[in-house]
Protein backbone atom coordinates (compact mmCIF):
# COMPACT_ATOMS: atom_id res chain seq x y z
CA MET A 1 0.10 0.05 -0.12
CA LYS A 2 1.52 3.52 -1.15
CA ARG A 3 2.47 5.81 1.41
CA THR A 4 1.04 9.86 0.61
CA THR A 5 4.05 12.33 2.03
CA GLY A 6 5.32 15.01 0.19
CA LEU A 7 9.06 13.65 0.02
CA LYS A 8 10.32 12.91 -3.39
CA PRO A 9 11.18 9.45 -3.53
CA LEU A 10 14.59 8.11 -3.81
CA PRO A 11 15.78 7.47 -7.46
CA ALA A 12 15.86 3.71 -8.45
CA PRO A 13 19.16 1.83 -7.60
CA SER A 14 20.58 -0.50 -10.29
CA PRO A 15 20.85 -4.06 -9.72
CA ALA A 16 24.69 -3.75 -9.04
CA THR A 17 24.26 -1.42 -6.22
CA LEU A 18 21.92 -3.42 -4.00
CA ARG A 19 24.13 -6.40 -3.53
CA ALA A 20 27.41 -6.47 -2.08
CA PRO A 21 30.07 -8.36 -4.26
CA LYS A 22 30.11 -12.04 -2.96
CA LYS A 23 33.74 -12.63 -2.91
CA SER A 24 35.73 -8.99 -2.70
CA SER A 25 38.82 -8.02 -0.75
CA SER A 26 37.73 -6.65 3.00
CA SER A 27 39.44 -3.48 2.06
CA SER A 28 36.88 -2.83 -1.24
CA LEU A 29 33.91 -4.14 0.46
CA THR A 30 34.36 -2.20 4.06
CA GLN A 31 35.00 1.03 1.74
CA SER A 32 31.82 0.49 -0.70
CA ILE A 33 29.86 0.30 2.33
CA GLY A 34 31.22 3.19 4.43
CA TRP A 35 32.62 1.07 6.81
CA ARG A 36 36.05 2.34 6.58
CA GLU A 37 35.08 5.44 8.05
CA TYR A 38 33.10 3.72 10.75
CA ILE A 39 35.76 1.54 11.90
CA THR A 40 38.71 4.55 11.93
CA ASP A 41 36.87 5.87 15.11
CA THR A 42 38.82 3.01 16.95
CA LYS A 43 42.32 1.80 17.56
CA ASN A 44 41.28 -1.93 17.92
CA PRO A 45 38.48 -2.64 15.45
CA ASN A 46 36.70 -5.97 15.91
CA PHE A 47 36.93 -8.91 13.20
CA ASP A 48 33.16 -8.51 12.42
CA SER A 49 33.49 -4.93 11.28
CA LEU A 50 36.75 -5.96 9.17
CA ARG A 51 35.24 -8.46 7.41
CA PRO A 52 31.49 -8.04 7.13
CA GLU A 53 30.82 -10.15 4.40
CA ASP A 54 31.44 -13.00 6.66
CA VAL A 55 28.89 -11.82 9.23
CA LEU A 56 26.17 -12.23 6.72
CA ASN A 57 27.67 -15.40 5.11
CA ASP A 58 27.19 -16.92 9.09
CA ALA A 59 23.95 -16.08 9.19
CA ARG A 60 23.02 -17.74 6.68
CA ILE A 61 24.92 -21.14 7.32
CA LYS A 62 22.96 -20.59 11.20
CA ALA A 63 19.77 -20.65 9.08
CA HIS A 64 20.22 -23.52 7.60
CA ARG A 65 21.39 -25.41 10.44
CA ALA A 66 18.62 -24.44 12.41
CA ALA A 67 16.23 -25.85 9.50
CA TYR A 68 18.11 -28.88 9.32
CA LYS A 69 17.70 -29.48 13.14
CA LEU A 70 13.86 -28.64 12.88
CA ILE A 71 13.49 -31.16 10.04
CA LYS A 72 15.48 -33.81 11.53
CA GLU A 73 13.03 -33.86 14.74
CA LEU A 74 10.02 -33.94 12.59
CA SER A 75 11.64 -36.51 11.01
CA SER A 76 11.66 -38.45 14.10
CA ASN A 77 8.25 -37.98 15.09
CA ALA A 78 7.07 -39.24 11.72
CA ASP A 79 4.95 -42.63 11.38
CA TRP A 80 5.01 -43.65 8.17
CA SER A 81 3.59 -46.72 8.74
CA THR A 82 0.26 -44.85 9.21
CA ASN A 83 1.53 -42.51 6.59
CA THR A 84 1.04 -39.47 9.70
CA TYR A 85 3.59 -36.74 9.76
CA HIS A 86 4.11 -32.62 10.82
CA GLN A 87 3.94 -30.22 7.64
CA ILE A 88 5.68 -26.43 8.45
CA VAL A 89 3.58 -23.66 6.89
CA THR A 90 5.03 -20.19 7.12
CA ALA A 91 3.34 -16.67 7.44
CA GLU A 92 6.46 -14.06 6.38
CA SER A 93 6.28 -10.41 6.36
CA LEU A 94 9.79 -9.00 6.95
CA THR A 95 11.18 -12.30 5.51
CA ALA A 96 8.96 -12.76 2.64
CA GLY A 97 9.54 -16.46 2.25
CA LEU A 98 12.97 -16.43 3.59
CA ILE A 99 12.31 -18.88 6.34
CA LEU A 100 10.50 -21.63 3.81
CA SER A 101 13.32 -21.16 1.45
CA THR A 102 16.03 -21.71 4.08
CA ILE A 103 13.77 -24.85 4.96
CA VAL A 104 13.69 -25.84 1.14
CA ASP A 105 17.70 -25.11 0.67
CA VAL A 106 18.18 -28.21 2.81
CA PRO A 107 17.62 -31.45 0.54
CA PHE A 108 15.94 -33.46 2.75
CA GLY A 109 12.39 -34.30 4.45
CA GLY A 110 10.67 -32.37 1.67
CA ALA A 111 6.97 -34.06 2.93
CA PHE A 112 7.39 -32.09 5.78
CA LYS A 113 7.52 -28.95 3.56
CA TYR A 114 4.22 -27.31 3.24
CA GLY A 115 4.02 -23.73 2.12
CA CYS A 116 4.42 -19.96 2.28
CA PHE A 117 2.05 -16.76 2.98
CA GLY A 118 4.12 -14.14 1.72
CA VAL A 119 2.43 -11.24 3.44
CA TYR A 120 5.14 -8.39 3.18
CA ASP A 121 2.14 -5.95 2.80
CA THR A 122 -0.56 -5.15 5.57
CA ASP A 123 -3.20 -6.06 3.25
CA ALA A 124 -1.63 -9.25 2.15
CA LYS A 125 -1.71 -10.09 6.04
CA ARG A 126 -5.59 -9.37 6.56
CA THR A 127 -6.48 -11.01 3.05
CA TYR A 128 -4.67 -13.94 3.10
CA LEU A 129 -4.49 -14.58 7.10
CA GLY A 130 -7.50 -12.81 8.63
CA VAL A 131 -5.27 -10.90 10.88
CA LYS A 132 -7.51 -8.20 12.49
CA VAL A 133 -5.01 -6.37 14.96
CA GLU A 134 -4.09 -2.47 14.09
CA ASN A 135 -0.53 -2.36 14.85
CA LEU A 136 1.02 -4.94 13.18
CA TYR A 137 4.56 -4.72 15.36
CA THR A 138 2.87 -6.62 18.51
CA HIS A 139 2.80 -10.26 20.28
CA ARG A 140 -0.88 -10.31 19.08
CA CYS A 141 -0.18 -9.93 15.34
CA ALA A 142 2.38 -12.78 15.08
CA ARG A 143 -0.40 -15.08 17.33
CA GLU A 144 -2.85 -13.96 14.41
CA MET A 145 -0.61 -14.38 11.82
CA ALA A 146 0.42 -18.14 13.02
CA GLU A 147 -2.79 -18.87 13.55
CA GLY A 148 -4.34 -17.44 10.42
CA ALA A 149 -1.65 -19.55 8.55
CA LEU A 150 -2.89 -23.10 10.15
CA LYS A 151 -6.61 -21.95 9.49
CA ASN A 152 -5.85 -21.38 5.94
CA SER A 153 -3.87 -24.74 5.20
CA ASN A 154 -3.22 -28.11 5.74
CA ALA A 155 -0.27 -27.61 7.49
CA SER A 156 0.20 -28.82 11.22
CA ILE A 157 2.42 -26.25 12.36
CA ALA A 158 3.11 -22.52 11.71
CA ILE A 159 5.82 -20.42 11.93
CA ALA A 160 4.99 -16.38 11.77
CA VAL A 161 7.23 -13.44 11.96
CA SER A 162 6.63 -9.56 11.89
CA GLY A 163 9.37 -7.03 12.16
CA ASN A 164 11.07 -3.91 11.37
CA ALA A 165 14.29 -4.99 9.00
CA MET A 166 14.36 -1.79 7.36
CA PRO A 167 12.14 1.50 8.27
CA ASN A 168 11.10 3.67 5.41
CA GLN A 169 14.22 6.22 5.24
CA GLY A 170 12.62 9.72 4.68
CA VAL A 171 9.13 8.64 5.55
CA ASP A 172 9.41 6.76 9.39
CA SER A 173 9.44 8.78 12.49
CA PHE A 174 12.68 8.64 14.89
CA ASP A 175 11.00 5.68 16.92
CA GLU A 176 10.11 3.52 13.89
CA ILE A 177 14.25 3.83 12.86
CA ALA A 178 14.82 3.61 16.27
CA LYS A 179 12.79 0.10 16.46
CA LEU A 180 15.48 -1.26 13.33
CA GLY A 181 15.74 -5.03 13.88
CA GLU A 182 12.45 -5.62 16.23
CA VAL A 183 10.59 -8.54 15.05
CA PHE A 184 7.77 -10.57 16.72
CA ILE A 185 7.88 -14.50 15.92
CA GLY A 186 4.90 -16.45 16.08
CA VAL A 187 5.03 -20.01 16.06
CA ALA A 188 1.53 -22.53 16.18
CA GLY A 189 0.30 -26.13 16.31
CA TYR A 190 -2.20 -28.10 17.23
CA LYS A 191 -3.30 -29.43 20.77
CA ASP A 192 -6.35 -31.65 19.62
CA ASP A 193 -8.84 -31.44 16.78
CA LYS A 194 -10.61 -28.17 18.61
CA THR A 195 -7.52 -26.00 20.02
CA ILE A 196 -4.52 -24.34 18.91
CA LEU A 197 -1.26 -23.91 20.50
CA CYS A 198 0.73 -20.46 20.10
CA GLU A 199 3.52 -18.96 21.52
CA THR A 200 5.15 -15.88 20.92
CA SER A 201 8.37 -13.70 21.54
CA VAL A 202 10.13 -10.37 20.64
CA TYR A 203 13.50 -10.15 19.20
CA ASN A 204 15.63 -6.73 18.64
CA PHE A 205 18.64 -8.25 16.93
CA CYS A 206 20.28 -4.91 16.61
CA ILE A 207 20.52 -4.91 20.69
CA ASP A 208 20.19 -8.81 21.41
CA HIS A 209 22.98 -10.28 18.55
CA SER A 210 26.74 -8.57 18.95
CA ASN A 211 27.06 -9.06 15.57
CA ALA A 212 24.05 -7.46 14.60
CA PHE A 213 24.91 -4.04 16.80
CA ASN A 214 27.63 -2.52 14.90
CA LEU A 215 26.01 -3.04 11.70
CA CYS A 216 23.08 -1.26 12.99
CA LYS A 217 24.68 1.41 14.67
CA LEU A 218 26.72 2.07 11.62
CA TRP A 219 23.45 2.62 9.44
CA HIS A 220 21.31 4.42 12.34
CA ASP A 221 23.85 6.72 12.88
CA THR A 222 24.50 7.78 9.50
CA VAL A 223 20.52 8.07 9.08
CA VAL A 224 20.68 10.79 12.50
CA ASP A 225 23.76 12.00 11.18
CA LYS A 226 22.30 13.59 7.96
CA SER A 227 18.88 14.55 9.38
CA LYS A 228 19.20 18.47 10.00
CA ALA A 229 16.67 18.65 12.70
CA ALA A 230 19.21 16.11 14.57
CA LYS A 231 21.76 18.76 15.49
CA PHE A 232 19.18 20.05 18.07
CA SER A 233 19.60 17.80 21.44
CA ASP A 234 16.08 18.09 22.13
CA VAL A 235 14.65 16.98 19.10
CA LYS A 236 13.85 13.51 19.54
CA ALA A 237 11.65 14.79 22.50
CA ASN A 238 9.95 17.70 20.75
CA ILE A 239 9.37 16.48 17.25
CA LYS A 240 7.67 13.24 17.08
CA ASN A 241 7.83 12.92 13.03
CA LEU A 242 11.64 13.38 12.45
CA THR A 243 12.50 13.47 8.77
CA SER A 244 15.64 10.93 8.68
CA GLY A 245 18.38 11.04 6.10
CA PHE A 246 19.09 8.27 3.72
CA ASN A 247 21.81 5.74 3.67
CA ASP A 248 23.37 4.29 0.85
CA TYR A 249 21.65 1.54 -0.89
CA ILE A 250 24.62 -0.71 -0.05
CA THR A 251 24.74 -0.32 3.34
CA THR A 252 21.23 -0.43 3.81
CA SER A 253 20.83 -3.99 1.80
CA PHE A 254 23.53 -5.37 3.92
CA VAL A 255 21.92 -4.61 7.12
CA SER A 256 18.23 -5.60 6.38
CA ASN A 257 19.76 -9.22 4.92
CA TYR A 258 21.33 -9.77 7.78
CA ILE A 259 18.26 -9.20 9.85
CA ARG A 260 16.28 -11.20 7.97
CA ASN A 261 19.00 -13.98 8.09
CA LYS A 262 18.98 -14.03 11.56
CA THR A 263 14.97 -14.03 11.76
CA ALA A 264 14.93 -17.00 10.04
CA GLU A 265 17.38 -18.37 12.22
CA ILE A 266 15.91 -17.48 15.61
CA ALA A 267 12.25 -18.60 13.97
CA LEU A 268 13.41 -21.79 13.05
CA LYS A 269 14.89 -22.64 16.57
CA LYS A 270 11.75 -21.74 18.29
CA ALA A 271 10.05 -23.73 16.20
CA PHE A 272 12.15 -26.46 16.93
CA ASN A 273 11.64 -25.92 20.75
CA PHE A 274 8.04 -25.60 20.59
CA VAL A 275 7.70 -28.84 18.68
CA LYS A 276 10.36 -30.44 21.32
CA LYS A 277 8.41 -29.05 24.57
CA ASN A 278 4.74 -29.73 23.46
CA LYS A 279 2.82 -32.80 22.48
CA LEU A 280 1.79 -31.63 19.28
CA ALA A 281 -1.38 -33.27 17.08
CA ILE A 282 -2.31 -33.71 13.73
CA PRO A 283 -6.14 -33.40 13.91
CA SER A 284 -8.29 -35.91 11.25
CA PHE A 285 -9.43 -33.24 9.44
CA LEU A 286 -6.55 -32.21 7.24
CA LYS A 287 -6.28 -35.41 6.02
CA THR A 288 -10.25 -35.05 4.99
CA ASP A 289 -10.20 -31.18 3.86
CA ARG A 290 -8.23 -31.62 0.88
CA PRO A 291 -9.60 -30.05 -2.13
CA PRO A 292 -10.07 -32.48 -5.11
CA HIS A 293 -7.98 -32.40 -8.17
CA GLU A 294 -9.86 -31.50 -11.50
CA ASN A 295 -12.81 -29.90 -9.87
CA GLY A 296 -14.14 -27.62 -12.69
CA ASN A 297 -13.12 -23.69 -12.68
CA ASN A 298 -10.63 -22.40 -10.24
CA PRO A 299 -13.03 -21.18 -7.20
CA CYS A 300 -12.02 -17.85 -5.18
CA ASN A 301 -11.95 -19.51 -1.64
CA ASN A 302 -11.41 -15.72 -0.03
CA VAL A 303 -14.98 -15.32 1.51
CA LEU A 304 -14.32 -11.69 1.65
CA LEU A 305 -13.48 -11.31 -2.10
CA GLN A 306 -16.17 -13.95 -3.00
CA SER A 307 -18.63 -11.23 -4.15
CA THR A 308 -16.09 -9.60 -6.88
CA ARG A 309 -14.14 -12.18 -7.83
CA GLY A 310 -16.17 -14.89 -7.98
CA THR A 311 -17.45 -14.74 -11.35
CA LEU A 312 -14.25 -13.91 -12.86
CA THR A 313 -13.37 -15.25 -16.09
CA THR A 314 -9.84 -16.06 -17.53
CA GLU A 315 -8.63 -15.31 -21.00
CA CYS A 316 -5.77 -17.44 -21.85
CA LEU A 317 -3.06 -16.05 -24.36
CA ASN A 318 -1.42 -18.95 -25.11
CA GLN A 319 -2.94 -22.30 -26.68
CA ASN A 320 -1.41 -24.79 -24.22
CA CYS A 321 -2.15 -22.75 -21.06
CA ASN A 322 -4.79 -25.36 -20.20
CA ASP A 323 -2.89 -28.47 -20.98
CA ILE A 324 -2.88 -30.87 -18.17
CA SER A 325 -0.50 -33.16 -19.79
CA ARG A 326 3.57 -33.37 -18.81
CA ILE A 327 6.23 -32.70 -21.28
CA SER A 328 7.07 -35.74 -23.18
CA THR A 329 10.30 -36.41 -23.69
CA SER A 330 10.77 -36.65 -27.23
CA GLN A 331 10.34 -32.85 -26.73
CA TYR A 332 13.35 -32.87 -25.01
CA ARG A 333 15.61 -34.37 -28.09
CA ASN A 334 18.15 -31.37 -28.27
CA SER A 335 18.31 -31.47 -24.30
CA ALA A 336 22.07 -32.38 -23.12
CA LEU A 337 20.47 -34.42 -20.46
CA LEU A 338 18.68 -36.77 -23.43
CA PRO A 339 21.52 -38.91 -24.22
CA TYR A 340 22.46 -39.94 -20.97
CA ALA A 341 18.83 -40.79 -19.93
CA ILE A 342 18.58 -43.02 -22.91
CA SER A 343 21.91 -44.66 -22.32
CA LYS A 344 20.75 -45.58 -18.66
CA GLN A 345 17.48 -47.28 -20.53
CA GLN A 346 19.59 -49.21 -22.82
CA GLY A 347 21.64 -50.26 -20.12
CA GLY A 348 24.37 -47.84 -20.76
CA LYS A 349 25.31 -48.65 -23.99
CA ARG A 350 26.71 -45.54 -26.51
CA SER A 351 27.54 -45.55 -30.24
CA LYS A 352 31.06 -46.46 -31.47
CA ARG A 353 30.83 -42.79 -32.66
CA SER A 354 30.17 -41.66 -29.26
CA LYS A 355 33.02 -43.71 -27.72
CA LYS A 356 35.66 -42.37 -30.65
CA THR A 357 34.96 -38.48 -29.51
CA ASN A 358 35.47 -38.96 -25.74
CA LYS A 359 38.76 -40.98 -26.85
CA ARG A 360 39.74 -37.79 -28.69
CA LYS A 361 38.81 -35.33 -26.34
CA ASN A 362 41.07 -37.32 -23.89
CA LYS A 363 44.25 -37.18 -25.99
CA ASN A 364 43.44 -33.31 -26.14
C-alpha cells in the first residue's frame, strides 16, 4: 500500500548497487558500504567490522543449520506406517518467504515442507491470514499470523514473523527508525482437533545480538547524522515525526539482509523448541479437508473477495495454458540430458561414434 508524503522518493537503484559483491577483498567491501569511516574511530576494530561479508554468510549458515535440526526432529516423530507426519507452513512479513526457502534449501525431508504465505504488505496479512490487529509490530499480530496460517492451510505447524528489517527512510518517525531490528515471532500447532497452541516472542536483533550491533549502529548513526533536525539536542523529545536522512543502498541492503537471515535462524530455533516441548497433534480434518483435483473452475476461496472475484473468467494468451499433460521426453530431444537418459535406459550402451569422440577429447 502506498504512503502519501510530500517527500520525493529516492531514485531507483541499479541491480549492481543493491547487493554487495560475493567475493571481494575486505578493504573494497568495507569501503563500498561506508565501513572504513566507521571503524577508524577505534584503534582496535573488531574482526566483524573488518570482514562484514563473513558476518552475513555466517548468519545464512546458522539459519540452514537450524532448518536442518527442525526437519530432523519432525522426521523422528513421523509415523510412516500410517503416513502420519507434521508439515510446516510459514507466514512471513519482513522475510517474505526466506524462512521456507531456508527450509527448502536443505535437501532432506521434503514431506515436511508445506508452503508459505509471503505477506509483506499489510493488506496481504489481512486478506490471506485474516489478521485483525491494527498494530502489526505486536505479539498479537504474530499470534494472528500463525493462527491464520494454520486455519488457511492443511499444515500442522506454523511459523510467523512480523517486524522491522528496514525503516522507511525519509518517511518514518524517529521512534520507528530506532526500532530497526525489532521482530515478533509466533509459532503455532494443534493440541487436538479443537485447540491451537501458540507461543510468541520478540527479539531486537540490533540489541540482542553482538554481531548485529555494529551493523545497526552504522546504519542508524548515518541516518541521524544526515538529518538536519538531529543537530538539536531536544529533537527526540519535541519532534515526533522526525524526517530521517538516507543511507546508501549497499549499507541498507547489507543490514536488512543480515536481520532477515537472523530472523530465519531464531524463528526456526523457536519452532524446534516448540515442537520439542509440546505434544502436538495432527487433527483428523487435515486429511479430509483436501481439495479435489480437476474440480471444474478454480474458485475464489476467500469469503471476503468472493462477491467481486467469484465470477471472474480467465482468458489465456497462449494455446496450451490449459494443457494438463506433462512434457514428453521426445520434446527434449535437443537437451543435453537426453543422451544420458537414453543410455541409462539401454543399459549404459553408447554408440561407437560417441566412444571415439570421448577418446579424442581425452587425448587433447
